């Protein structure tokens, strides 16, 4: 027998204004605008909010680090600086 679980609180955030609604809507928007899986969209949304706070307080902007090319492409499209540590590892190996 197949069982399904529906998270009613996420459904409510989609249609009713309450704390956290903007956050959920932004994550949904990121998954629709870019080739992202759910948790990748959560990671990117967190980085975007953190970067906005850093810049607003006149700190250096965040550098988004990931090994997933789709996630990095989405971060760059959202105007974040990015680094792929897998590329750094290949540069280190080629110098030896």
PDB file of N, CA and C in Angstrom:
ATOM      1  N   UNK A   1       0.842  -1.185   0.000  1.00  0.00           N
ATOM      2  CA  UNK A   1       0.000   0.000   0.000  1.00  0.00           C
ATOM      3  C   UNK A   1       0.884   1.244   0.000  1.00  0.00           C
ATOM      4  N   UNK A   2       0.620   2.172  -0.889  1.00  0.00           N
ATOM      5  CA  UNK A   2       1.374   3.415  -0.983  1.00  0.00           C
ATOM      6  C   UNK A   2       0.780   4.450  -0.040  1.00  0.00           C
ATOM      7  N   UNK A   3       1.650   5.125   0.698  1.00  0.00           N
ATOM      8  CA  UNK A   3       1.201   6.181   1.599  1.00  0.00           C
ATOM      9  C   UNK A   3       1.807   7.499   1.154  1.00  0.00           C
ATOM     10  N   UNK A   4       1.062   8.555   1.256  1.00  0.00           N
ATOM     11  CA  UNK A   4       1.530   9.895   0.894  1.00  0.00           C
ATOM     12  C   UNK A   4       1.427  10.802   2.105  1.00  0.00           C
ATOM     13  N   UNK A   5       2.366  11.726   2.203  1.00  0.00           N
ATOM     14  CA  UNK A   5       2.377  12.684   3.298  1.00  0.00           C
ATOM     15  C   UNK A   5       2.325  14.087   2.715  1.00  0.00           C
ATOM     16  N   UNK A   6       1.436  14.890   3.201  1.00  0.00           N
ATOM     17  CA  UNK A   6       1.312  16.273   2.750  1.00  0.00           C
ATOM     18  C   UNK A   6       1.660  17.199   3.906  1.00  0.00           C
ATOM     19  N   UNK A   7       2.657  18.042   3.689  1.00  0.00           N
ATOM     20  CA  UNK A   7       3.044  19.020   4.692  1.00  0.00           C
ATOM     21  C   UNK A   7       2.131  20.230   4.540  1.00  0.00           C
ATOM     22  N   UNK A   8       1.105  20.271   5.357  1.00  0.00           N
ATOM     23  CA  UNK A   8       0.103  21.340   5.241  1.00  0.00           C
ATOM     24  C   UNK A   8       0.698  22.714   5.519  1.00  0.00           C
ATOM     25  N   UNK A   9       1.718  22.809   6.373  1.00  0.00           N
ATOM     26  CA  UNK A   9       2.276  24.123   6.683  1.00  0.00           C
ATOM     27  C   UNK A   9       2.934  24.740   5.446  1.00  0.00           C
ATOM     28  N   UNK A  10       3.598  23.931   4.623  1.00  0.00           N
ATOM     29  CA  UNK A  10       4.200  24.454   3.390  1.00  0.00           C
ATOM     30  C   UNK A  10       3.116  24.892   2.414  1.00  0.00           C
ATOM     31  N   UNK A  11       2.029  24.151   2.364  1.00  0.00           N
ATOM     32  CA  UNK A  11       0.909  24.505   1.492  1.00  0.00           C
ATOM     33  C   UNK A  11       0.284  25.829   1.927  1.00  0.00           C
ATOM     34  N   UNK A  12       0.144  26.017   3.225  1.00  0.00           N
ATOM     35  CA  UNK A  12      -0.419  27.266   3.746  1.00  0.00           C
ATOM     36  C   UNK A  12       0.488  28.439   3.395  1.00  0.00           C
ATOM     37  N   UNK A  13       1.809  28.266   3.525  1.00  0.00           N
ATOM     38  CA  UNK A  13       2.751  29.343   3.208  1.00  0.00           C
ATOM     39  C   UNK A  13       2.665  29.745   1.738  1.00  0.00           C
ATOM     40  N   UNK A  14       2.249  28.830   0.896  1.00  0.00           N
ATOM     41  CA  UNK A  14       2.130  29.116  -0.532  1.00  0.00           C
ATOM     42  C   UNK A  14       0.955  30.047  -0.822  1.00  0.00           C
ATOM     43  N   UNK A  15      -0.102  29.968  -0.027  1.00  0.00           N
ATOM     44  CA  UNK A  15      -1.332  30.712  -0.330  1.00  0.00           C
ATOM     45  C   UNK A  15      -1.758  31.726   0.729  1.00  0.00           C
ATOM     46  N   UNK A  16      -1.200  31.662   1.909  1.00  0.00           N
ATOM     47  CA  UNK A  16      -1.589  32.590   2.970  1.00  0.00           C
ATOM     48  C   UNK A  16      -0.352  33.330   3.466  1.00  0.00           C
ATOM     49  N   UNK A  17      -0.478  34.631   3.667  1.00  0.00           N
ATOM     50  CA  UNK A  17       0.637  35.429   4.173  1.00  0.00           C
ATOM     51  C   UNK A  17       0.874  35.113   5.648  1.00  0.00           C
ATOM     52  N   UNK A  18       2.054  34.655   5.956  1.00  0.00           N
ATOM     53  CA  UNK A  18       2.494  34.420   7.336  1.00  0.00           C
ATOM     54  C   UNK A  18       4.009  34.445   7.334  1.00  0.00           C
ATOM     55  N   UNK A  19       4.634  34.537   8.497  1.00  0.00           N
ATOM     56  CA  UNK A  19       6.099  34.555   8.521  1.00  0.00           C
ATOM     57  C   UNK A  19       6.668  33.322   7.806  1.00  0.00           C
ATOM     58  N   UNK A  20       7.594  33.552   6.932  1.00  0.00           N
ATOM     59  CA  UNK A  20       8.205  32.470   6.182  1.00  0.00           C
ATOM     60  C   UNK A  20       7.649  32.301   4.782  1.00  0.00           C
ATOM     61  N   UNK A  21       6.537  32.956   4.481  1.00  0.00           N
ATOM     62  CA  UNK A  21       5.930  32.815   3.157  1.00  0.00           C
ATOM     63  C   UNK A  21       6.856  33.313   2.058  1.00  0.00           C
ATOM     64  N   UNK A  22       7.487  34.452   2.269  1.00  0.00           N
ATOM     65  CA  UNK A  22       8.407  35.001   1.262  1.00  0.00           C
ATOM     66  C   UNK A  22       9.562  34.036   0.992  1.00  0.00           C
ATOM     67  N   UNK A  23      10.035  33.407   2.040  1.00  0.00           N
ATOM     68  CA  UNK A  23      11.137  32.459   1.940  1.00  0.00           C
ATOM     69  C   UNK A  23      10.753  31.275   1.052  1.00  0.00           C
ATOM     70  N   UNK A  24       9.582  30.696   1.311  1.00  0.00           N
ATOM     71  CA  UNK A  24       9.107  29.549   0.528  1.00  0.00           C
ATOM     72  C   UNK A  24       8.891  29.961  -0.928  1.00  0.00           C
ATOM     73  N   UNK A  25       8.291  31.111  -1.144  1.00  0.00           N
ATOM     74  CA  UNK A  25       8.034  31.569  -2.507  1.00  0.00           C
ATOM     75  C   UNK A  25       9.339  31.801  -3.269  1.00  0.00           C
ATOM     76  N   UNK A  26      10.360  32.311  -2.594  1.00  0.00           N
ATOM     77  CA  UNK A  26      11.666  32.542  -3.235  1.00  0.00           C
ATOM     78  C   UNK A  26      12.318  31.218  -3.631  1.00  0.00           C
ATOM     79  N   UNK A  27      12.200  30.218  -2.762  1.00  0.00           N
ATOM     80  CA  UNK A  27      12.766  28.901  -3.064  1.00  0.00           C
ATOM     81  C   UNK A  27      12.061  28.294  -4.271  1.00  0.00           C
ATOM     82  N   UNK A  28      10.731  28.394  -4.300  1.00  0.00           N
ATOM     83  CA  UNK A  28       9.964  27.882  -5.440  1.00  0.00           C
ATOM     84  C   UNK A  28      10.383  28.612  -6.715  1.00  0.00           C
ATOM     85  N   UNK A  29      10.533  29.923  -6.620  1.00  0.00           N
ATOM     86  CA  UNK A  29      10.956  30.731  -7.776  1.00  0.00           C
ATOM     87  C   UNK A  29      12.325  30.283  -8.294  1.00  0.00           C
ATOM     88  N   UNK A  30      13.253  30.005  -7.392  1.00  0.00           N
ATOM     89  CA  UNK A  30      14.585  29.562  -7.802  1.00  0.00           C
ATOM     90  C   UNK A  30      14.526  28.228  -8.537  1.00  0.00           C
ATOM     91  N   UNK A  31      13.674  27.313  -8.079  1.00  0.00           N
ATOM     92  CA  UNK A  31      13.568  26.019  -8.759  1.00  0.00           C
ATOM     93  C   UNK A  31      12.923  26.160 -10.133  1.00  0.00           C
ATOM     94  N   UNK A  32      12.105  27.176 -10.311  1.00  0.00           N
ATOM     95  CA  UNK A  32      11.466  27.386 -11.608  1.00  0.00           C
ATOM     96  C   UNK A  32      12.367  28.147 -12.575  1.00  0.00           C
ATOM     97  N   UNK A  33      13.220  29.006 -12.056  1.00  0.00           N
ATOM     98  CA  UNK A  33      14.100  29.814 -12.899  1.00  0.00           C
ATOM     99  C   UNK A  33      15.389  29.091 -13.302  1.00  0.00           C
ATOM    100  N   UNK A  34      15.791  28.111 -12.499  1.00  0.00           N
ATOM    101  CA  UNK A  34      17.076  27.440 -12.712  1.00  0.00           C
ATOM    102  C   UNK A  34      16.897  25.929 -12.590  1.00  0.00           C
ATOM    103  N   UNK A  35      17.883  25.200 -13.096  1.00  0.00           N
ATOM    104  CA  UNK A  35      17.865  23.735 -12.980  1.00  0.00           C
ATOM    105  C   UNK A  35      18.361  23.348 -11.595  1.00  0.00           C
ATOM    106  N   UNK A  36      17.486  23.460 -10.587  1.00  0.00           N
ATOM    107  CA  UNK A  36      17.867  23.173  -9.204  1.00  0.00           C
ATOM    108  C   UNK A  36      16.954  22.133  -8.584  1.00  0.00           C
ATOM    109  N   UNK A  37      17.534  21.309  -7.739  1.00  0.00           N
ATOM    110  CA  UNK A  37      16.751  20.424  -6.895  1.00  0.00           C
ATOM    111  C   UNK A  37      16.341  21.218  -5.659  1.00  0.00           C
ATOM    112  N   UNK A  38      15.404  20.692  -4.903  1.00  0.00           N
ATOM    113  CA  UNK A  38      14.838  21.410  -3.753  1.00  0.00           C
ATOM    114  C   UNK A  38      15.866  21.910  -2.754  1.00  0.00           C
ATOM    115  N   UNK A  39      16.744  21.022  -2.290  1.00  0.00           N
ATOM    116  CA  UNK A  39      17.710  21.449  -1.280  1.00  0.00           C
ATOM    117  C   UNK A  39      18.769  22.379  -1.863  1.00  0.00           C
ATOM    118  N   UNK A  40      19.052  22.252  -3.138  1.00  0.00           N
ATOM    119  CA  UNK A  40      19.962  23.204  -3.779  1.00  0.00           C
ATOM    120  C   UNK A  40      19.348  24.602  -3.777  1.00  0.00           C
ATOM    121  N   UNK A  41      18.042  24.678  -4.004  1.00  0.00           N
ATOM    122  CA  UNK A  41      17.354  25.972  -3.974  1.00  0.00           C
ATOM    123  C   UNK A  41      17.376  26.559  -2.569  1.00  0.00           C
ATOM    124  N   UNK A  42      17.248  25.722  -1.546  1.00  0.00           N
ATOM    125  CA  UNK A  42      17.332  26.199  -0.155  1.00  0.00           C
ATOM    126  C   UNK A  42      18.726  26.747   0.114  1.00  0.00           C
ATOM    127  N   UNK A  43      19.755  26.021  -0.342  1.00  0.00           N
ATOM    128  CA  UNK A  43      21.138  26.473  -0.147  1.00  0.00           C
ATOM    129  C   UNK A  43      21.379  27.807  -0.852  1.00  0.00           C
ATOM    130  N   UNK A  44      20.900  27.933  -2.079  1.00  0.00           N
ATOM    131  CA  UNK A  44      21.098  29.172  -2.829  1.00  0.00           C
ATOM    132  C   UNK A  44      20.316  30.323  -2.214  1.00  0.00           C
ATOM    133  N   UNK A  45      19.088  30.079  -1.801  1.00  0.00           N
ATOM    134  CA  UNK A  45      18.284  31.132  -1.169  1.00  0.00           C
ATOM    135  C   UNK A  45      18.957  31.623   0.113  1.00  0.00           C
ATOM    136  N   UNK A  46      19.522  30.701   0.882  1.00  0.00           N
ATOM    137  CA  UNK A  46      20.240  31.080   2.110  1.00  0.00           C
ATOM    138  C   UNK A  46      21.449  31.945   1.773  1.00  0.00           C
ATOM    139  N   UNK A  47      22.184  31.572   0.740  1.00  0.00           N
ATOM    140  CA  UNK A  47      23.347  32.361   0.325  1.00  0.00           C
ATOM    141  C   UNK A  47      22.939  33.745  -0.150  1.00  0.00           C
ATOM    142  N   UNK A  48      21.838  33.838  -0.877  1.00  0.00           N
ATOM    143  CA  UNK A  48      21.380  35.147  -1.364  1.00  0.00           C
ATOM    144  C   UNK A  48      20.999  36.075  -0.219  1.00  0.00           C
ATOM    145  N   UNK A  49      20.293  35.542   0.776  1.00  0.00           N
ATOM    146  CA  UNK A  49      19.907  36.353   1.936  1.00  0.00           C
ATOM    147  C   UNK A  49      21.146  36.768   2.725  1.00  0.00           C
ATOM    148  N   UNK A  50      22.057  35.823   2.923  1.00  0.00           N
ATOM    149  CA  UNK A  50      23.294  36.117   3.662  1.00  0.00           C
ATOM    150  C   UNK A  50      24.130  37.158   2.934  1.00  0.00           C
ATOM    151  N   UNK A  51      24.251  37.026   1.625  1.00  0.00           N
ATOM    152  CA  UNK A  51      25.013  37.989   0.841  1.00  0.00           C
ATOM    153  C   UNK A  51      24.402  39.386   0.937  1.00  0.00           C
ATOM    154  N   UNK A  52      23.091  39.469   0.837  1.00  0.00           N
ATOM    155  CA  UNK A  52      22.422  40.771   0.947  1.00  0.00           C
ATOM    156  C   UNK A  52      22.705  41.421   2.298  1.00  0.00           C
ATOM    157  N   UNK A  53      22.709  40.617   3.367  1.00  0.00           N
ATOM    158  CA  UNK A  53      23.016  41.150   4.708  1.00  0.00           C
ATOM    159  C   UNK A  53      24.472  41.610   4.802  1.00  0.00           C
ATOM    160  N   UNK A  54      25.382  40.834   4.248  1.00  0.00           N
ATOM    161  CA  UNK A  54      26.804  41.218   4.272  1.00  0.00           C
ATOM    162  C   UNK A  54      27.034  42.538   3.543  1.00  0.00           C
ATOM    163  N   UNK A  55      26.475  42.645   2.355  1.00  0.00           N
ATOM    164  CA  UNK A  55      26.656  43.853   1.546  1.00  0.00           C
ATOM    165  C   UNK A  55      26.006  45.059   2.219  1.00  0.00           C
ATOM    166  N   UNK A  56      24.825  44.855   2.814  1.00  0.00           N
ATOM    167  CA  UNK A  56      24.131  45.953   3.495  1.00  0.00           C
ATOM    168  C   UNK A  56      24.945  46.485   4.675  1.00  0.00           C
ATOM    169  N   UNK A  57      25.727  45.604   5.311  1.00  0.00           N
ATOM    170  CA  UNK A  57      26.553  46.026   6.449  1.00  0.00           C
ATOM    171  C   UNK A  57      27.979  46.378   6.024  1.00  0.00           C
ATOM    172  N   UNK A  58      28.178  46.537   4.710  1.00  0.00           N
ATOM    173  CA  UNK A  58      29.443  46.951   4.123  1.00  0.00           C
ATOM    174  C   UNK A  58      30.592  45.971   4.343  1.00  0.00           C
ATOM    175  N   UNK A  59      30.252  44.668   4.407  1.00  0.00           N
ATOM    176  CA  UNK A  59      31.264  43.618   4.416  1.00  0.00           C
ATOM    177  C   UNK A  59      31.506  43.174   2.979  1.00  0.00           C
ATOM    178  N   UNK A  60      32.554  42.404   2.777  1.00  0.00           N
ATOM    179  CA  UNK A  60      32.810  41.844   1.459  1.00  0.00           C
ATOM    180  C   UNK A  60      31.689  40.877   1.088  1.00  0.00           C
ATOM    181  N   UNK A  61      31.350  40.804  -0.198  1.00  0.00           N
ATOM    182  CA  UNK A  61      30.294  39.881  -0.600  1.00  0.00           C
ATOM    183  C   UNK A  61      30.713  38.419  -0.428  1.00  0.00           C
ATOM    184  N   UNK A  62      29.735  37.594  -0.278  1.00  0.00           N
ATOM    185  CA  UNK A  62      29.920  36.165  -0.108  1.00  0.00           C
ATOM    186  C   UNK A  62      30.446  35.532  -1.399  1.00  0.00           C
ATOM    187  N   UNK A  63      31.280  34.527  -1.276  1.00  0.00           N
ATOM    188  CA  UNK A  63      31.691  33.718  -2.418  1.00  0.00           C
ATOM    189  C   UNK A  63      31.011  32.367  -2.252  1.00  0.00           C
ATOM    190  N   UNK A  64      30.198  31.998  -3.220  1.00  0.00           N
ATOM    191  CA  UNK A  64      29.414  30.769  -3.172  1.00  0.00           C
ATOM    192  C   UNK A  64      30.291  29.614  -3.659  1.00  0.00           C
ATOM    193  N   UNK A  65      30.479  28.602  -2.822  1.00  0.00           N
ATOM    194  CA  UNK A  65      31.345  27.476  -3.144  1.00  0.00           C
ATOM    195  C   UNK A  65      30.507  26.209  -3.252  1.00  0.00           C
ATOM    196  N   UNK A  66      30.615  25.530  -4.385  1.00  0.00           N
ATOM    197  CA  UNK A  66      29.889  24.278  -4.597  1.00  0.00           C
ATOM    198  C   UNK A  66      30.580  23.485  -5.693  1.00  0.00           C
ATOM    199  N   UNK A  67      30.319  22.198  -5.724  1.00  0.00           N
ATOM    200  CA  UNK A  67      30.870  21.339  -6.759  1.00  0.00           C
ATOM    201  C   UNK A  67      29.850  20.965  -7.820  1.00  0.00           C
ATOM    202  N   UNK A  68      28.643  21.466  -7.710  1.00  0.00           N
ATOM    203  CA  UNK A  68      27.552  21.151  -8.639  1.00  0.00           C
ATOM    204  C   UNK A  68      27.447  22.256  -9.688  1.00  0.00           C
ATOM    205  N   UNK A  69      27.648  21.908 -10.942  1.00  0.00           N
ATOM    206  CA  UNK A  69      27.670  22.918 -12.012  1.00  0.00           C
ATOM    207  C   UNK A  69      26.321  23.634 -12.180  1.00  0.00           C
ATOM    208  N   UNK A  70      25.209  22.909 -12.040  1.00  0.00           N
ATOM    209  CA  UNK A  70      23.890  23.559 -12.151  1.00  0.00           C
ATOM    210  C   UNK A  70      23.689  24.572 -11.037  1.00  0.00           C
ATOM    211  N   UNK A  71      24.106  24.211  -9.828  1.00  0.00           N
ATOM    212  CA  UNK A  71      23.982  25.118  -8.685  1.00  0.00           C
ATOM    213  C   UNK A  71      24.879  26.336  -8.863  1.00  0.00           C
ATOM    214  N   UNK A  72      26.092  26.135  -9.339  1.00  0.00           N
ATOM    215  CA  UNK A  72      26.997  27.258  -9.589  1.00  0.00           C
ATOM    216  C   UNK A  72      26.463  28.179 -10.679  1.00  0.00           C
ATOM    217  N   UNK A  73      25.895  27.604 -11.731  1.00  0.00           N
ATOM    218  CA  UNK A  73      25.328  28.419 -12.815  1.00  0.00           C
ATOM    219  C   UNK A  73      24.161  29.253 -12.297  1.00  0.00           C
ATOM    220  N   UNK A  74      23.335  28.669 -11.432  1.00  0.00           N
ATOM    221  CA  UNK A  74      22.214  29.409 -10.851  1.00  0.00           C
ATOM    222  C   UNK A  74      22.724  30.536  -9.954  1.00  0.00           C
ATOM    223  N   UNK A  75      23.761  30.267  -9.162  1.00  0.00           N
ATOM    224  CA  UNK A  75      24.335  31.294  -8.283  1.00  0.00           C
ATOM    225  C   UNK A  75      24.905  32.447  -9.101  1.00  0.00           C
ATOM    226  N   UNK A  76      25.585  32.122 -10.189  1.00  0.00           N
ATOM    227  CA  UNK A  76      26.132  33.173 -11.053  1.00  0.00           C
ATOM    228  C   UNK A  76      25.013  33.978 -11.706  1.00  0.00           C
ATOM    229  N   UNK A  77      23.938  33.310 -12.095  1.00  0.00           N
ATOM    230  CA  UNK A  77      22.793  34.013 -12.687  1.00  0.00           C
ATOM    231  C   UNK A  77      22.125  34.938 -11.678  1.00  0.00           C
ATOM    232  N   UNK A  78      22.269  34.622 -10.392  1.00  0.00           N
ATOM    233  CA  UNK A  78      21.733  35.470  -9.322  1.00  0.00           C
ATOM    234  C   UNK A  78      22.780  36.467  -8.827  1.00  0.00           C
ATOM    235  N   UNK A  79      23.864  36.623  -9.584  1.00  0.00           N
ATOM    236  CA  UNK A  79      24.923  37.619  -9.344  1.00  0.00           C
ATOM    237  C   UNK A  79      25.770  37.356  -8.102  1.00  0.00           C
ATOM    238  N   UNK A  80      25.992  36.085  -7.786  1.00  0.00           N
ATOM    239  CA  UNK A  80      26.931  35.739  -6.720  1.00  0.00           C
ATOM    240  C   UNK A  80      28.271  35.361  -7.346  1.00  0.00           C
ATOM    241  N   UNK A  81      29.359  35.692  -6.661  1.00  0.00           N
ATOM    242  CA  UNK A  81      30.670  35.194  -7.060  1.00  0.00           C
ATOM    243  C   UNK A  81      30.728  33.718  -6.682  1.00  0.00           C
ATOM    244  N   UNK A  82      31.345  32.894  -7.519  1.00  0.00           N
ATOM    245  CA  UNK A  82      31.361  31.461  -7.255  1.00  0.00           C
ATOM    246  C   UNK A  82      32.759  30.877  -7.373  1.00  0.00           C
ATOM    247  N   UNK A  83      32.958  29.750  -6.732  1.00  0.00           N
ATOM    248  CA  UNK A  83      34.181  28.950  -6.849  1.00  0.00           C
ATOM    249  C   UNK A  83      33.780  27.486  -6.807  1.00  0.00           C
ATOM    250  N   UNK A  84      34.436  26.688  -7.632  1.00  0.00           N
ATOM    251  CA  UNK A  84      34.230  25.246  -7.625  1.00  0.00           C
ATOM    252  C   UNK A  84      35.498  24.610  -7.066  1.00  0.00           C
ATOM    253  N   UNK A  85      35.437  23.995  -5.879  1.00  0.00           N
ATOM    254  CA  UNK A  85      36.650  23.416  -5.294  1.00  0.00           C
ATOM    255  C   UNK A  85      37.209  22.261  -6.119  1.00  0.00           C
ATOM    256  N   UNK A  86      36.375  21.636  -6.935  1.00  0.00           N
ATOM    257  CA  UNK A  86      36.866  20.556  -7.794  1.00  0.00           C
ATOM    258  C   UNK A  86      37.827  21.097  -8.844  1.00  0.00           C
ATOM    259  N   UNK A  87      37.599  22.315  -9.310  1.00  0.00           N
ATOM    260  CA  UNK A  87      38.528  22.944 -10.249  1.00  0.00           C
ATOM    261  C   UNK A  87      39.850  23.281  -9.576  1.00  0.00           C
ATOM    262  N   UNK A  88      39.805  23.686  -8.326  1.00  0.00           N
ATOM    263  CA  UNK A  88      41.027  24.009  -7.584  1.00  0.00           C
ATOM    264  C   UNK A  88      41.867  22.766  -7.366  1.00  0.00           C
ATOM    265  N   UNK A  89      41.216  21.642  -7.101  1.00  0.00           N
ATOM    266  CA  UNK A  89      41.945  20.392  -6.880  1.00  0.00           C
ATOM    267  C   UNK A  89      42.691  19.976  -8.134  1.00  0.00           C
ATOM    268  N   UNK A  90      42.088  20.155  -9.303  1.00  0.00           N
ATOM    269  CA  UNK A  90      42.774  19.776 -10.541  1.00  0.00           C
ATOM    270  C   UNK A  90      43.943  20.706 -10.833  1.00  0.00           C
ATOM    271  N   UNK A  91      43.859  21.979 -10.452  1.00  0.00           N
ATOM    272  CA  UNK A  91      44.971  22.912 -10.639  1.00  0.00           C
ATOM    273  C   UNK A  91      46.147  22.528  -9.745  1.00  0.00           C
ATOM    274  N   UNK A  92      45.849  22.116  -8.506  1.00  0.00           N
ATOM    275  CA  UNK A  92      46.890  21.715  -7.561  1.00  0.00           C
ATOM    276  C   UNK A  92      47.596  20.450  -8.060  1.00  0.00           C
ATOM    277  N   UNK A  93      46.819  19.511  -8.553  1.00  0.00           N
ATOM    278  CA  UNK A  93      47.371  18.246  -9.040  1.00  0.00           C
ATOM    279  C   UNK A  93      48.262  18.470 -10.260  1.00  0.00           C
ATOM    280  N   UNK A  94      47.882  19.366 -11.145  1.00  0.00           N
ATOM    281  CA  UNK A  94      48.667  19.582 -12.371  1.00  0.00           C
ATOM    282  C   UNK A  94      49.999  20.292 -12.082  1.00  0.00           C
ATOM    283  N   UNK A  95      50.122  20.975 -10.942  1.00  0.00           N
ATOM    284  CA  UNK A  95      51.374  21.668 -10.609  1.00  0.00           C
ATOM    285  C   UNK A  95      52.432  20.726 -10.056  1.00  0.00           C
ATOM    286  N   UNK A  96      52.033  19.562  -9.611  1.00  0.00           N
ATOM    287  CA  UNK A  96      52.994  18.640  -8.985  1.00  0.00           C
ATOM    288  C   UNK A  96      53.833  17.930  -9.977  1.00  0.00           C
TER     289      UNK A  96
END
